[in-house]
Amino acid sequence: MNKVRLVLYALILSLLVPAAALASSGGYVPVPPSPDTHPAYITGLTYGQDGGLNLTADYIQWFEGTEADRVFAEKEPDSGLSAAPNGYYIVNENPKLRTLPVHPDVQVLMQIYNRTGEPGGAGIQWNEEVSLQRFTEILKAEPYLQEYPYHLVVKNGQVVRMIQQYIP
């Protein structure tokens, strides 16, 4: 019986160590809300006549944790679930699309994309900074990444920072 307990203890410990390592090594940290930060789906990238990049965005409402659970319960009362699946909930009630110029020195932070070009090459690397050119290449090669929300920081009418929201 003691061997069984020891094996179970070792198994549980082995499952906890990677999670603890992830949390202590710069794992997921929610993007703090601010008046300049807008969660959105990126629906398109186009170049203007001036050669600058424009981004078309569909603004959403992004909720996490207990706030996600509260909004989920309000919006989905007949779901049969007691909490928001995976700890987040997205509300997209306004169909308005916004086209915004992207600042040439925009900071782009990605969480997950295919870095190798090989099948199964997508992996998580928290807040990896990529150039604007690399970002446009990534979206062209992996159009499904438009299904991820991005937190767009807009100052003086231009997107100055984009943070890909990781979703499990």
N, C-alpha and C. Protein backbone atom coordinates (compact mmCIF):
# COMPACT_ATOMS: atom_id res chain seq x y z
N MET A 1 0.82 -1.19 0.00
CA MET A 1 0.00 0.00 0.00
C MET A 1 0.86 1.26 0.00
N ASN A 2 1.98 1.22 0.72
CA ASN A 2 2.87 2.39 0.75
C ASN A 2 3.48 2.65 -0.61
N LYS A 3 3.76 1.58 -1.38
CA LYS A 3 4.31 1.77 -2.73
C LYS A 3 3.31 2.50 -3.62
N VAL A 4 2.05 2.14 -3.50
CA VAL A 4 1.01 2.78 -4.31
C VAL A 4 0.93 4.27 -3.96
N ARG A 5 0.97 4.59 -2.67
CA ARG A 5 0.93 5.99 -2.25
C ARG A 5 2.15 6.75 -2.78
N LEU A 6 3.30 6.12 -2.71
CA LEU A 6 4.53 6.75 -3.18
C LEU A 6 4.46 7.02 -4.68
N VAL A 7 3.97 6.06 -5.44
CA VAL A 7 3.84 6.24 -6.89
C VAL A 7 2.83 7.35 -7.19
N LEU A 8 1.71 7.35 -6.50
CA LEU A 8 0.71 8.40 -6.71
C LEU A 8 1.27 9.77 -6.34
N TYR A 9 2.00 9.85 -5.25
CA TYR A 9 2.60 11.11 -4.83
C TYR A 9 3.59 11.60 -5.89
N ALA A 10 4.43 10.70 -6.40
CA ALA A 10 5.41 11.06 -7.43
C ALA A 10 4.70 11.53 -8.71
N LEU A 11 3.63 10.85 -9.06
CA LEU A 11 2.88 11.23 -10.26
C LEU A 11 2.27 12.63 -10.10
N ILE A 12 1.65 12.88 -8.96
CA ILE A 12 1.05 14.19 -8.70
C ILE A 12 2.13 15.27 -8.70
N LEU A 13 3.24 15.01 -8.06
CA LEU A 13 4.33 15.98 -8.02
C LEU A 13 4.86 16.28 -9.42
N SER A 14 4.98 15.25 -10.25
CA SER A 14 5.49 15.46 -11.61
C SER A 14 4.53 16.30 -12.44
N LEU A 15 3.24 16.23 -12.14
CA LEU A 15 2.27 17.05 -12.86
C LEU A 15 2.29 18.50 -12.37
N LEU A 16 2.61 18.71 -11.10
CA LEU A 16 2.61 20.06 -10.55
C LEU A 16 3.87 20.84 -10.89
N VAL A 17 4.99 20.19 -11.01
CA VAL A 17 6.25 20.89 -11.24
C VAL A 17 6.24 21.66 -12.56
N PRO A 18 5.81 21.07 -13.69
CA PRO A 18 5.79 21.89 -14.91
C PRO A 18 4.90 23.12 -14.79
N ALA A 19 3.75 23.00 -14.15
CA ALA A 19 2.86 24.15 -14.00
C ALA A 19 3.53 25.22 -13.14
N ALA A 20 4.19 24.83 -12.08
CA ALA A 20 4.88 25.79 -11.23
C ALA A 20 6.03 26.43 -11.98
N ALA A 21 6.74 25.65 -12.77
CA ALA A 21 7.85 26.20 -13.55
C ALA A 21 7.33 27.21 -14.56
N LEU A 22 6.20 26.93 -15.19
CA LEU A 22 5.62 27.84 -16.16
C LEU A 22 5.24 29.16 -15.49
N ALA A 23 4.61 29.06 -14.33
CA ALA A 23 4.17 30.26 -13.63
C ALA A 23 5.36 31.11 -13.18
N SER A 24 6.46 30.47 -12.81
CA SER A 24 7.60 31.23 -12.32
C SER A 24 8.54 31.67 -13.43
N SER A 25 8.33 31.20 -14.65
CA SER A 25 9.25 31.54 -15.74
C SER A 25 8.60 32.46 -16.77
N GLY A 26 7.74 33.35 -16.30
CA GLY A 26 7.14 34.30 -17.23
C GLY A 26 5.97 33.71 -17.98
N GLY A 27 5.11 32.95 -17.32
CA GLY A 27 3.94 32.37 -17.96
C GLY A 27 2.89 33.41 -18.26
N TYR A 28 1.67 32.97 -18.40
CA TYR A 28 0.57 33.84 -18.78
C TYR A 28 0.32 34.92 -17.74
N VAL A 29 0.20 36.14 -18.21
CA VAL A 29 -0.18 37.27 -17.38
C VAL A 29 -1.26 38.03 -18.15
N PRO A 30 -2.43 38.27 -17.54
CA PRO A 30 -3.49 38.99 -18.26
C PRO A 30 -3.03 40.39 -18.67
N VAL A 31 -3.54 40.84 -19.81
CA VAL A 31 -3.27 42.20 -20.28
C VAL A 31 -4.14 43.14 -19.45
N PRO A 32 -3.53 44.09 -18.76
CA PRO A 32 -4.35 44.99 -17.94
C PRO A 32 -5.20 45.92 -18.81
N PRO A 33 -6.46 46.10 -18.43
CA PRO A 33 -7.31 47.01 -19.21
C PRO A 33 -6.85 48.46 -19.02
N SER A 34 -7.05 49.25 -20.04
CA SER A 34 -6.78 50.68 -19.97
C SER A 34 -7.66 51.37 -21.01
N PRO A 35 -7.83 52.68 -20.89
CA PRO A 35 -8.66 53.39 -21.87
C PRO A 35 -8.11 53.30 -23.30
N ASP A 36 -6.79 53.08 -23.45
CA ASP A 36 -6.17 53.00 -24.77
C ASP A 36 -6.11 51.59 -25.33
N THR A 37 -6.49 50.59 -24.52
CA THR A 37 -6.36 49.19 -24.93
C THR A 37 -7.72 48.64 -25.34
N HIS A 38 -7.76 48.06 -26.55
CA HIS A 38 -9.02 47.57 -27.11
C HIS A 38 -8.86 46.12 -27.54
N PRO A 39 -9.50 45.17 -26.83
CA PRO A 39 -9.49 43.79 -27.33
C PRO A 39 -10.24 43.73 -28.65
N ALA A 40 -9.69 42.98 -29.61
CA ALA A 40 -10.29 42.96 -30.95
C ALA A 40 -9.85 41.73 -31.72
N TYR A 41 -10.64 41.41 -32.73
CA TYR A 41 -10.21 40.47 -33.76
C TYR A 41 -9.64 41.31 -34.90
N ILE A 42 -8.52 40.89 -35.43
CA ILE A 42 -7.95 41.55 -36.60
C ILE A 42 -8.56 40.88 -37.82
N THR A 43 -9.33 41.64 -38.59
CA THR A 43 -10.02 41.05 -39.74
C THR A 43 -9.31 41.33 -41.06
N GLY A 44 -8.33 42.21 -41.03
CA GLY A 44 -7.61 42.48 -42.27
C GLY A 44 -6.43 43.41 -42.07
N LEU A 45 -5.47 43.29 -42.96
CA LEU A 45 -4.32 44.19 -43.03
C LEU A 45 -4.22 44.67 -44.47
N THR A 46 -4.14 45.98 -44.66
CA THR A 46 -4.03 46.54 -46.00
C THR A 46 -3.01 47.68 -45.97
N TYR A 47 -2.44 47.95 -47.12
CA TYR A 47 -1.52 49.07 -47.25
C TYR A 47 -2.25 50.25 -47.87
N GLY A 48 -2.06 51.43 -47.27
CA GLY A 48 -2.68 52.63 -47.79
C GLY A 48 -1.87 53.23 -48.93
N GLN A 49 -2.38 54.29 -49.53
CA GLN A 49 -1.70 54.96 -50.63
C GLN A 49 -0.36 55.53 -50.19
N ASP A 50 -0.25 55.85 -48.90
CA ASP A 50 1.01 56.38 -48.39
C ASP A 50 2.03 55.28 -48.09
N GLY A 51 1.64 54.02 -48.32
CA GLY A 51 2.53 52.89 -48.06
C GLY A 51 2.47 52.37 -46.64
N GLY A 52 1.71 53.06 -45.79
CA GLY A 52 1.58 52.62 -44.40
C GLY A 52 0.58 51.48 -44.26
N LEU A 53 0.78 50.68 -43.23
CA LEU A 53 -0.11 49.55 -42.97
C LEU A 53 -1.33 50.00 -42.19
N ASN A 54 -2.49 49.53 -42.63
CA ASN A 54 -3.75 49.76 -41.92
C ASN A 54 -4.27 48.42 -41.43
N LEU A 55 -4.85 48.46 -40.26
CA LEU A 55 -5.40 47.27 -39.64
C LEU A 55 -6.90 47.44 -39.51
N THR A 56 -7.67 46.44 -39.90
CA THR A 56 -9.11 46.46 -39.70
C THR A 56 -9.41 45.58 -38.50
N ALA A 57 -10.14 46.15 -37.54
CA ALA A 57 -10.39 45.47 -36.27
C ALA A 57 -11.88 45.42 -35.96
N ASP A 58 -12.27 44.31 -35.36
CA ASP A 58 -13.62 44.12 -34.84
C ASP A 58 -13.47 44.10 -33.32
N TYR A 59 -13.81 45.21 -32.65
CA TYR A 59 -13.65 45.30 -31.20
C TYR A 59 -14.58 44.30 -30.52
N ILE A 60 -14.08 43.72 -29.45
CA ILE A 60 -14.83 42.75 -28.65
C ILE A 60 -14.73 43.16 -27.18
N GLN A 61 -15.46 42.44 -26.36
CA GLN A 61 -15.29 42.55 -24.91
C GLN A 61 -14.65 41.25 -24.45
N TRP A 62 -13.56 41.35 -23.70
CA TRP A 62 -12.80 40.20 -23.22
C TRP A 62 -12.93 40.13 -21.71
N PHE A 63 -13.36 38.97 -21.20
CA PHE A 63 -13.53 38.78 -19.77
C PHE A 63 -12.73 37.56 -19.33
N GLU A 64 -12.13 37.65 -18.13
CA GLU A 64 -11.39 36.53 -17.56
C GLU A 64 -11.80 36.30 -16.12
N GLY A 65 -11.56 35.08 -15.63
CA GLY A 65 -11.76 34.75 -14.23
C GLY A 65 -13.20 34.91 -13.77
N THR A 66 -13.36 35.46 -12.56
CA THR A 66 -14.70 35.57 -11.98
C THR A 66 -15.59 36.52 -12.79
N GLU A 67 -14.99 37.53 -13.41
CA GLU A 67 -15.78 38.43 -14.26
C GLU A 67 -16.31 37.67 -15.48
N ALA A 68 -15.49 36.78 -16.05
CA ALA A 68 -15.94 35.94 -17.17
C ALA A 68 -17.08 35.04 -16.73
N ASP A 69 -16.96 34.46 -15.54
CA ASP A 69 -18.02 33.60 -15.03
C ASP A 69 -19.33 34.36 -14.86
N ARG A 70 -19.24 35.60 -14.33
CA ARG A 70 -20.43 36.42 -14.11
C ARG A 70 -21.12 36.76 -15.45
N VAL A 71 -20.33 37.23 -16.43
CA VAL A 71 -20.91 37.62 -17.71
C VAL A 71 -21.44 36.39 -18.45
N PHE A 72 -20.70 35.28 -18.36
CA PHE A 72 -21.14 34.04 -18.99
C PHE A 72 -22.51 33.61 -18.43
N ALA A 73 -22.66 33.68 -17.11
CA ALA A 73 -23.93 33.30 -16.48
C ALA A 73 -25.07 34.20 -16.95
N GLU A 74 -24.79 35.49 -17.14
CA GLU A 74 -25.81 36.42 -17.62
C GLU A 74 -26.20 36.14 -19.08
N LYS A 75 -25.20 35.89 -19.91
CA LYS A 75 -25.43 35.75 -21.35
C LYS A 75 -25.86 34.34 -21.76
N GLU A 76 -25.46 33.35 -20.99
CA GLU A 76 -25.72 31.95 -21.33
C GLU A 76 -26.39 31.21 -20.17
N PRO A 77 -27.54 31.69 -19.71
CA PRO A 77 -28.15 31.08 -18.51
C PRO A 77 -28.59 29.63 -18.71
N ASP A 78 -28.83 29.21 -19.92
CA ASP A 78 -29.31 27.85 -20.17
C ASP A 78 -28.19 26.90 -20.60
N SER A 79 -26.94 27.29 -20.39
CA SER A 79 -25.81 26.48 -20.87
C SER A 79 -25.63 25.19 -20.07
N GLY A 80 -26.09 25.18 -18.84
CA GLY A 80 -25.85 24.02 -17.99
C GLY A 80 -24.47 24.01 -17.37
N LEU A 81 -23.69 25.05 -17.61
CA LEU A 81 -22.34 25.14 -17.04
C LEU A 81 -22.35 26.14 -15.89
N SER A 82 -21.51 25.89 -14.90
CA SER A 82 -21.46 26.76 -13.74
C SER A 82 -20.43 27.88 -13.88
N ALA A 83 -19.59 27.80 -14.91
CA ALA A 83 -18.55 28.82 -15.10
C ALA A 83 -18.22 28.93 -16.59
N ALA A 84 -17.53 30.00 -16.92
CA ALA A 84 -17.10 30.21 -18.30
C ALA A 84 -16.08 29.13 -18.67
N PRO A 85 -16.25 28.46 -19.81
CA PRO A 85 -15.29 27.43 -20.22
C PRO A 85 -13.89 28.03 -20.36
N ASN A 86 -12.91 27.34 -19.85
CA ASN A 86 -11.49 27.73 -19.93
C ASN A 86 -11.17 29.05 -19.26
N GLY A 87 -12.09 29.58 -18.45
CA GLY A 87 -11.79 30.76 -17.66
C GLY A 87 -11.88 32.09 -18.38
N TYR A 88 -12.41 32.10 -19.60
CA TYR A 88 -12.57 33.37 -20.31
C TYR A 88 -13.89 33.37 -21.06
N TYR A 89 -14.33 34.57 -21.43
CA TYR A 89 -15.57 34.70 -22.19
C TYR A 89 -15.45 35.94 -23.08
N ILE A 90 -15.91 35.82 -24.31
CA ILE A 90 -15.84 36.90 -25.29
C ILE A 90 -17.26 37.31 -25.68
N VAL A 91 -17.49 38.60 -25.68
CA VAL A 91 -18.76 39.16 -26.14
C VAL A 91 -18.44 40.02 -27.37
N ASN A 92 -19.17 39.77 -28.45
CA ASN A 92 -18.97 40.52 -29.69
C ASN A 92 -20.34 40.91 -30.23
N GLU A 93 -20.90 41.95 -29.64
CA GLU A 93 -22.26 42.35 -29.99
C GLU A 93 -22.31 43.46 -31.02
N ASN A 94 -21.20 44.15 -31.24
CA ASN A 94 -21.17 45.28 -32.17
C ASN A 94 -20.44 44.87 -33.45
N PRO A 95 -21.14 44.85 -34.58
CA PRO A 95 -20.50 44.40 -35.83
C PRO A 95 -19.61 45.45 -36.50
N LYS A 96 -19.52 46.64 -35.90
CA LYS A 96 -18.76 47.73 -36.52
C LYS A 96 -17.27 47.35 -36.66
N LEU A 97 -16.73 47.55 -37.87
CA LEU A 97 -15.31 47.35 -38.11
C LEU A 97 -14.62 48.71 -38.13
N ARG A 98 -13.42 48.74 -37.57
CA ARG A 98 -12.65 49.98 -37.53
C ARG A 98 -11.35 49.77 -38.29
N THR A 99 -10.99 50.71 -39.11
CA THR A 99 -9.71 50.65 -39.81
C THR A 99 -8.79 51.69 -39.19
N LEU A 100 -7.65 51.22 -38.71
CA LEU A 100 -6.72 52.07 -37.99
C LEU A 100 -5.33 51.98 -38.61
N PRO A 101 -4.62 53.10 -38.71
CA PRO A 101 -3.24 53.04 -39.17
C PRO A 101 -2.36 52.39 -38.10
N VAL A 102 -1.39 51.63 -38.55
CA VAL A 102 -0.45 50.98 -37.63
C VAL A 102 0.83 51.80 -37.63
N HIS A 103 1.27 52.20 -36.46
CA HIS A 103 2.50 52.98 -36.34
C HIS A 103 3.66 52.12 -36.85
N PRO A 104 4.58 52.70 -37.62
CA PRO A 104 5.69 51.91 -38.18
C PRO A 104 6.55 51.23 -37.12
N ASP A 105 6.59 51.80 -35.91
CA ASP A 105 7.39 51.22 -34.82
C ASP A 105 6.52 50.47 -33.81
N VAL A 106 5.40 49.94 -34.28
CA VAL A 106 4.49 49.22 -33.40
C VAL A 106 5.22 48.07 -32.71
N GLN A 107 4.86 47.83 -31.46
CA GLN A 107 5.39 46.66 -30.75
C GLN A 107 4.36 45.54 -30.89
N VAL A 108 4.81 44.38 -31.36
CA VAL A 108 3.92 43.23 -31.55
C VAL A 108 4.41 42.11 -30.65
N LEU A 109 3.53 41.62 -29.77
CA LEU A 109 3.86 40.53 -28.86
C LEU A 109 2.97 39.34 -29.17
N MET A 110 3.59 38.24 -29.52
CA MET A 110 2.88 37.01 -29.87
C MET A 110 3.04 35.99 -28.76
N GLN A 111 2.03 35.11 -28.63
CA GLN A 111 2.06 34.04 -27.64
C GLN A 111 2.25 32.68 -28.32
N ILE A 112 1.52 32.48 -29.41
CA ILE A 112 1.54 31.17 -30.07
C ILE A 112 1.41 31.35 -31.57
N TYR A 113 2.30 30.69 -32.31
CA TYR A 113 2.23 30.60 -33.76
C TYR A 113 3.25 29.55 -34.19
N ASN A 114 3.23 29.18 -35.43
CA ASN A 114 4.13 28.15 -35.94
C ASN A 114 5.47 28.79 -36.29
N ARG A 115 6.45 28.56 -35.46
CA ARG A 115 7.77 29.17 -35.65
C ARG A 115 8.66 28.39 -36.61
N THR A 116 8.31 27.13 -36.88
CA THR A 116 9.18 26.27 -37.70
C THR A 116 8.69 26.09 -39.12
N GLY A 117 7.40 26.31 -39.37
CA GLY A 117 6.84 26.05 -40.69
C GLY A 117 6.49 24.58 -40.90
N GLU A 118 6.80 23.75 -39.92
CA GLU A 118 6.49 22.32 -39.99
C GLU A 118 5.14 22.05 -39.34
N PRO A 119 4.42 21.00 -39.81
CA PRO A 119 3.17 20.64 -39.14
C PRO A 119 3.43 20.39 -37.65
N GLY A 120 2.59 20.94 -36.84
CA GLY A 120 2.76 20.78 -35.39
C GLY A 120 3.82 21.69 -34.81
N GLY A 121 4.27 22.67 -35.57
CA GLY A 121 5.34 23.55 -35.11
C GLY A 121 4.89 24.72 -34.25
N ALA A 122 3.59 24.83 -34.00
CA ALA A 122 3.10 25.92 -33.16
C ALA A 122 3.44 25.63 -31.71
N GLY A 123 3.89 26.63 -31.02
CA GLY A 123 4.21 26.47 -29.61
C GLY A 123 4.07 27.81 -28.90
N ILE A 124 3.98 27.73 -27.58
CA ILE A 124 3.82 28.93 -26.78
C ILE A 124 5.19 29.48 -26.40
N GLN A 125 5.34 30.75 -26.62
CA GLN A 125 6.47 31.51 -26.12
C GLN A 125 5.89 32.85 -25.69
N TRP A 126 5.78 33.04 -24.40
CA TRP A 126 5.04 34.17 -23.87
C TRP A 126 5.65 35.50 -24.28
N ASN A 127 4.80 36.36 -24.83
CA ASN A 127 5.15 37.73 -25.18
C ASN A 127 6.42 37.85 -26.02
N GLU A 128 6.50 37.01 -27.04
CA GLU A 128 7.63 37.07 -27.96
C GLU A 128 7.44 38.28 -28.87
N GLU A 129 8.41 39.17 -28.87
CA GLU A 129 8.32 40.35 -29.72
C GLU A 129 8.74 40.00 -31.14
N VAL A 130 7.90 40.36 -32.10
CA VAL A 130 8.20 40.16 -33.51
C VAL A 130 8.05 41.50 -34.22
N SER A 131 8.76 41.64 -35.34
CA SER A 131 8.66 42.87 -36.12
C SER A 131 7.30 42.93 -36.81
N LEU A 132 6.94 44.11 -37.23
CA LEU A 132 5.69 44.29 -37.96
C LEU A 132 5.71 43.47 -39.24
N GLN A 133 6.84 43.46 -39.93
CA GLN A 133 6.95 42.66 -41.16
C GLN A 133 6.75 41.18 -40.85
N ARG A 134 7.37 40.69 -39.78
CA ARG A 134 7.21 39.27 -39.41
C ARG A 134 5.76 38.98 -39.05
N PHE A 135 5.10 39.90 -38.36
CA PHE A 135 3.70 39.72 -37.99
C PHE A 135 2.83 39.56 -39.23
N THR A 136 3.04 40.42 -40.23
CA THR A 136 2.23 40.31 -41.45
C THR A 136 2.52 38.99 -42.16
N GLU A 137 3.77 38.53 -42.13
CA GLU A 137 4.11 37.24 -42.74
C GLU A 137 3.42 36.09 -41.99
N ILE A 138 3.40 36.18 -40.67
CA ILE A 138 2.77 35.13 -39.85
C ILE A 138 1.27 35.05 -40.16
N LEU A 139 0.60 36.20 -40.19
CA LEU A 139 -0.85 36.19 -40.47
C LEU A 139 -1.16 35.69 -41.87
N LYS A 140 -0.29 35.99 -42.82
CA LYS A 140 -0.51 35.51 -44.19
C LYS A 140 -0.34 33.99 -44.25
N ALA A 141 0.67 33.47 -43.55
CA ALA A 141 0.95 32.03 -43.57
C ALA A 141 -0.04 31.24 -42.71
N GLU A 142 -0.56 31.89 -41.66
CA GLU A 142 -1.44 31.21 -40.71
C GLU A 142 -2.71 32.04 -40.48
N PRO A 143 -3.60 32.08 -41.47
CA PRO A 143 -4.78 32.94 -41.35
C PRO A 143 -5.67 32.59 -40.15
N TYR A 144 -5.58 31.38 -39.62
CA TYR A 144 -6.39 31.03 -38.44
C TYR A 144 -6.01 31.88 -37.23
N LEU A 145 -4.83 32.52 -37.24
CA LEU A 145 -4.44 33.37 -36.12
C LEU A 145 -5.31 34.61 -36.01
N GLN A 146 -6.10 34.91 -37.05
CA GLN A 146 -7.05 36.01 -36.95
C GLN A 146 -8.21 35.64 -36.04
N GLU A 147 -8.33 34.37 -35.70
CA GLU A 147 -9.38 33.93 -34.78
C GLU A 147 -8.99 34.18 -33.32
N TYR A 148 -7.73 34.53 -33.09
CA TYR A 148 -7.29 34.88 -31.73
C TYR A 148 -7.58 36.36 -31.50
N PRO A 149 -8.00 36.71 -30.30
CA PRO A 149 -8.12 38.13 -29.99
C PRO A 149 -6.73 38.76 -29.84
N TYR A 150 -6.67 40.05 -30.10
CA TYR A 150 -5.46 40.84 -29.89
C TYR A 150 -5.85 42.06 -29.07
N HIS A 151 -4.98 42.46 -28.17
CA HIS A 151 -5.20 43.68 -27.41
C HIS A 151 -4.46 44.78 -28.17
N LEU A 152 -5.22 45.72 -28.72
CA LEU A 152 -4.65 46.80 -29.51
C LEU A 152 -4.54 48.04 -28.64
N VAL A 153 -3.34 48.58 -28.55
CA VAL A 153 -3.14 49.84 -27.83
C VAL A 153 -3.10 50.93 -28.89
N VAL A 154 -4.04 51.87 -28.77
CA VAL A 154 -4.20 52.93 -29.76
C VAL A 154 -3.90 54.27 -29.09
N LYS A 155 -2.93 54.98 -29.66
CA LYS A 155 -2.58 56.32 -29.17
C LYS A 155 -2.56 57.26 -30.36
N ASN A 156 -3.17 58.42 -30.20
CA ASN A 156 -3.25 59.42 -31.26
C ASN A 156 -3.78 58.81 -32.56
N GLY A 157 -4.74 57.89 -32.44
CA GLY A 157 -5.38 57.31 -33.60
C GLY A 157 -4.60 56.22 -34.31
N GLN A 158 -3.42 55.84 -33.79
CA GLN A 158 -2.60 54.80 -34.41
C GLN A 158 -2.40 53.63 -33.46
N VAL A 159 -2.32 52.43 -34.03
CA VAL A 159 -2.02 51.24 -33.23
C VAL A 159 -0.51 51.26 -32.93
N VAL A 160 -0.17 51.32 -31.65
CA VAL A 160 1.24 51.39 -31.25
C VAL A 160 1.72 50.10 -30.59
N ARG A 161 0.76 49.24 -30.23
CA ARG A 161 1.12 47.96 -29.60
C ARG A 161 0.02 46.96 -29.88
N MET A 162 0.43 45.71 -30.19
CA MET A 162 -0.52 44.61 -30.40
C MET A 162 -0.04 43.43 -29.56
N ILE A 163 -0.94 42.90 -28.75
CA ILE A 163 -0.61 41.76 -27.91
C ILE A 163 -1.59 40.64 -28.23
N GLN A 164 -1.07 39.54 -28.75
CA GLN A 164 -1.93 38.40 -29.05
C GLN A 164 -2.42 37.82 -27.72
N GLN A 165 -3.72 37.57 -27.64
CA GLN A 165 -4.31 36.95 -26.45
C GLN A 165 -4.23 35.44 -26.60
N TYR A 166 -3.58 34.78 -25.68
CA TYR A 166 -3.56 33.33 -25.69
C TYR A 166 -4.92 32.81 -25.25
N ILE A 167 -5.44 31.85 -25.99
CA ILE A 167 -6.66 31.16 -25.57
C ILE A 167 -6.38 29.66 -25.59
N PRO A 168 -6.75 28.99 -24.53
CA PRO A 168 -6.47 27.53 -24.47
C PRO A 168 -7.33 26.74 -25.44
